[in-house]
Amino acid sequence: MANHKSALKRIRQNEARRLRNRYYHKTARSAMKILRNEEDKAAATEQLPKVISLLDKLAKKNIIHKNKAANLKSKLTKHVNKLA
C-alpha cells in the first residue's frame, strides 16, 4: 500500500475515474446494441445522432480512441442507411 498522502489520493482518484469510465463505456455499448437491433428506419434515424454524440464525447474524454469512435460511427450510419 502507498505511504504518501498524495499516493493515497491518486489511488482514490484512479478508482473513481475507472468506475466512471466503465459506466460511460457500458452505456455507449448498450446504446449501440439497441440501435443495431432497431428494425424501424425512422426510429433508428432518430437514435443515430444521440449515439454519435455519445461516441464523440467518449473519444473526447479518451475513454475510447478517436479512430475507434469514427469506425463505430461509420458502421452504425451504414447500418441505418441499409434499413428499408
C-alpha atoms as a PDB file:
ATOM      1  CA  MET A   1       0.000   0.000   0.000  1.00  0.00           C
ATOM      2  CA  ALA A   2       1.063   3.568  -0.612  1.00  0.00           C
ATOM      3  CA  ASN A   3       2.883   5.512   2.103  1.00  0.00           C
ATOM      4  CA  HIS A   4       2.365   9.083   0.918  1.00  0.00           C
ATOM      5  CA  LYS A   5      -0.786  11.126   1.234  1.00  0.00           C
ATOM      6  CA  SER A   6      -0.618  12.127  -2.414  1.00  0.00           C
ATOM      7  CA  ALA A   7      -0.265   8.491  -3.499  1.00  0.00           C
ATOM      8  CA  LEU A   8      -3.330   7.532  -1.462  1.00  0.00           C
ATOM      9  CA  LYS A   9      -5.299  10.337  -3.086  1.00  0.00           C
ATOM     10  CA  ARG A  10      -4.096   9.231  -6.514  1.00  0.00           C
ATOM     11  CA  ILE A  11      -5.341   5.689  -5.810  1.00  0.00           C
ATOM     12  CA  ARG A  12      -8.774   7.050  -4.809  1.00  0.00           C
ATOM     13  CA  GLN A  13      -8.953   9.249  -7.901  1.00  0.00           C
ATOM     14  CA  ASN A  14      -7.918   6.434 -10.229  1.00  0.00           C
ATOM     15  CA  GLU A  15     -10.582   4.121  -8.836  1.00  0.00           C
ATOM     16  CA  ALA A  16     -13.311   6.764  -9.139  1.00  0.00           C
ATOM     17  CA  ARG A  17     -12.291   7.528 -12.731  1.00  0.00           C
ATOM     18  CA  ARG A  18     -12.092   3.839 -13.619  1.00  0.00           C
ATOM     19  CA  LEU A  19     -15.647   3.262 -12.409  1.00  0.00           C
ATOM     20  CA  ARG A  20     -16.946   6.388 -14.151  1.00  0.00           C
ATOM     21  CA  ASN A  21     -15.245   5.443 -17.426  1.00  0.00           C
ATOM     22  CA  ARG A  22     -16.595   1.903 -17.165  1.00  0.00           C
ATOM     23  CA  TYR A  23     -20.109   3.281 -16.723  1.00  0.00           C
ATOM     24  CA  TYR A  24     -19.803   5.599 -19.762  1.00  0.00           C
ATOM     25  CA  HIS A  25     -18.339   2.797 -21.880  1.00  0.00           C
ATOM     26  CA  LYS A  26     -21.088   0.346 -20.912  1.00  0.00           C
ATOM     27  CA  THR A  27     -23.788   2.955 -21.575  1.00  0.00           C
ATOM     28  CA  ALA A  28     -22.405   3.578 -25.058  1.00  0.00           C
ATOM     29  CA  ARG A  29     -22.213  -0.158 -25.821  1.00  0.00           C
ATOM     30  CA  SER A  30     -25.829  -0.583 -24.738  1.00  0.00           C
ATOM     31  CA  ALA A  31     -26.948   2.360 -26.901  1.00  0.00           C
ATOM     32  CA  MET A  32     -25.119   0.902 -29.924  1.00  0.00           C
ATOM     33  CA  LYS A  33     -26.665  -2.507 -29.332  1.00  0.00           C
ATOM     34  CA  ILE A  34     -30.164  -1.007 -29.152  1.00  0.00           C
ATOM     35  CA  LEU A  35     -29.509   0.916 -32.385  1.00  0.00           C
ATOM     36  CA  ARG A  36     -28.168  -2.187 -34.164  1.00  0.00           C
ATOM     37  CA  ASN A  37     -31.245  -4.207 -33.152  1.00  0.00           C
ATOM     38  CA  GLU A  38     -33.645  -1.498 -34.342  1.00  0.00           C
ATOM     39  CA  GLU A  39     -35.801  -2.614 -37.302  1.00  0.00           C
ATOM     40  CA  ASP A  40     -37.654   0.644 -37.955  1.00  0.00           C
ATOM     41  CA  LYS A  41     -35.696   3.118 -40.079  1.00  0.00           C
ATOM     42  CA  ALA A  42     -37.452   6.180 -38.653  1.00  0.00           C
ATOM     43  CA  ALA A  43     -36.650   5.190 -35.064  1.00  0.00           C
ATOM     44  CA  ALA A  44     -33.068   4.287 -35.977  1.00  0.00           C
ATOM     45  CA  THR A  45     -32.595   7.613 -37.790  1.00  0.00           C
ATOM     46  CA  GLU A  46     -33.838   9.384 -34.687  1.00  0.00           C
ATOM     47  CA  GLN A  47     -31.467   7.447 -32.385  1.00  0.00           C
ATOM     48  CA  LEU A  48     -28.364   7.737 -34.573  1.00  0.00           C
ATOM     49  CA  PRO A  49     -27.397  11.367 -33.711  1.00  0.00           C
ATOM     50  CA  LYS A  50     -27.678  10.613 -29.988  1.00  0.00           C
ATOM     51  CA  VAL A  51     -25.393   7.586 -30.267  1.00  0.00           C
ATOM     52  CA  ILE A  52     -22.917   9.501 -32.449  1.00  0.00           C
ATOM     53  CA  SER A  53     -22.846  12.300 -29.879  1.00  0.00           C
ATOM     54  CA  LEU A  54     -22.207   9.762 -27.119  1.00  0.00           C
ATOM     55  CA  LEU A  55     -19.279   8.255 -29.065  1.00  0.00           C
ATOM     56  CA  ASP A  56     -17.814  11.698 -29.759  1.00  0.00           C
ATOM     57  CA  LYS A  57     -17.917  12.534 -26.054  1.00  0.00           C
ATOM     58  CA  LEU A  58     -16.159   9.262 -25.180  1.00  0.00           C
ATOM     59  CA  ALA A  59     -13.458   9.933 -27.756  1.00  0.00           C
ATOM     60  CA  LYS A  60     -13.007  13.476 -26.478  1.00  0.00           C
ATOM     61  CA  LYS A  61     -12.503  12.172 -22.928  1.00  0.00           C
ATOM     62  CA  ASN A  62     -10.087   9.456 -24.175  1.00  0.00           C
ATOM     63  CA  ILE A  63     -12.341   6.673 -22.938  1.00  0.00           C
ATOM     64  CA  ILE A  64     -12.217   5.212 -26.440  1.00  0.00           C
ATOM     65  CA  HIS A  65      -9.753   6.038 -29.215  1.00  0.00           C
ATOM     66  CA  LYS A  66     -10.893   8.662 -31.743  1.00  0.00           C
ATOM     67  CA  ASN A  67     -10.369   6.270 -34.664  1.00  0.00           C
ATOM     68  CA  LYS A  68     -12.465   3.606 -32.950  1.00  0.00           C
ATOM     69  CA  ALA A  69     -15.224   6.161 -32.459  1.00  0.00           C
ATOM     70  CA  ALA A  70     -15.004   7.085 -36.150  1.00  0.00           C
ATOM     71  CA  ASN A  71     -15.172   3.419 -37.200  1.00  0.00           C
ATOM     72  CA  LEU A  72     -18.176   2.753 -34.972  1.00  0.00           C
ATOM     73  CA  LYS A  73     -19.999   5.851 -36.222  1.00  0.00           C
ATOM     74  CA  SER A  74     -19.342   4.796 -39.809  1.00  0.00           C
ATOM     75  CA  LYS A  75     -20.625   1.245 -39.236  1.00  0.00           C
ATOM     76  CA  LEU A  76     -23.740   2.444 -37.425  1.00  0.00           C
ATOM     77  CA  THR A  77     -24.523   5.017 -40.137  1.00  0.00           C
ATOM     78  CA  LYS A  78     -24.138   2.331 -42.816  1.00  0.00           C
ATOM     79  CA  HIS A  79     -26.444   0.054 -40.845  1.00  0.00           C
ATOM     80  CA  VAL A  80     -29.133   2.745 -40.501  1.00  0.00           C
ATOM     81  CA  ASN A  81     -28.902   3.642 -44.200  1.00  0.00           C
ATOM     82  CA  LYS A  82     -29.351  -0.030 -45.153  1.00  0.00           C
ATOM     83  CA  LEU A  83     -32.651  -0.327 -43.279  1.00  0.00           C
ATOM     84  CA  ALA A  84     -35.683  -0.403 -45.558  1.00  0.00           C
END
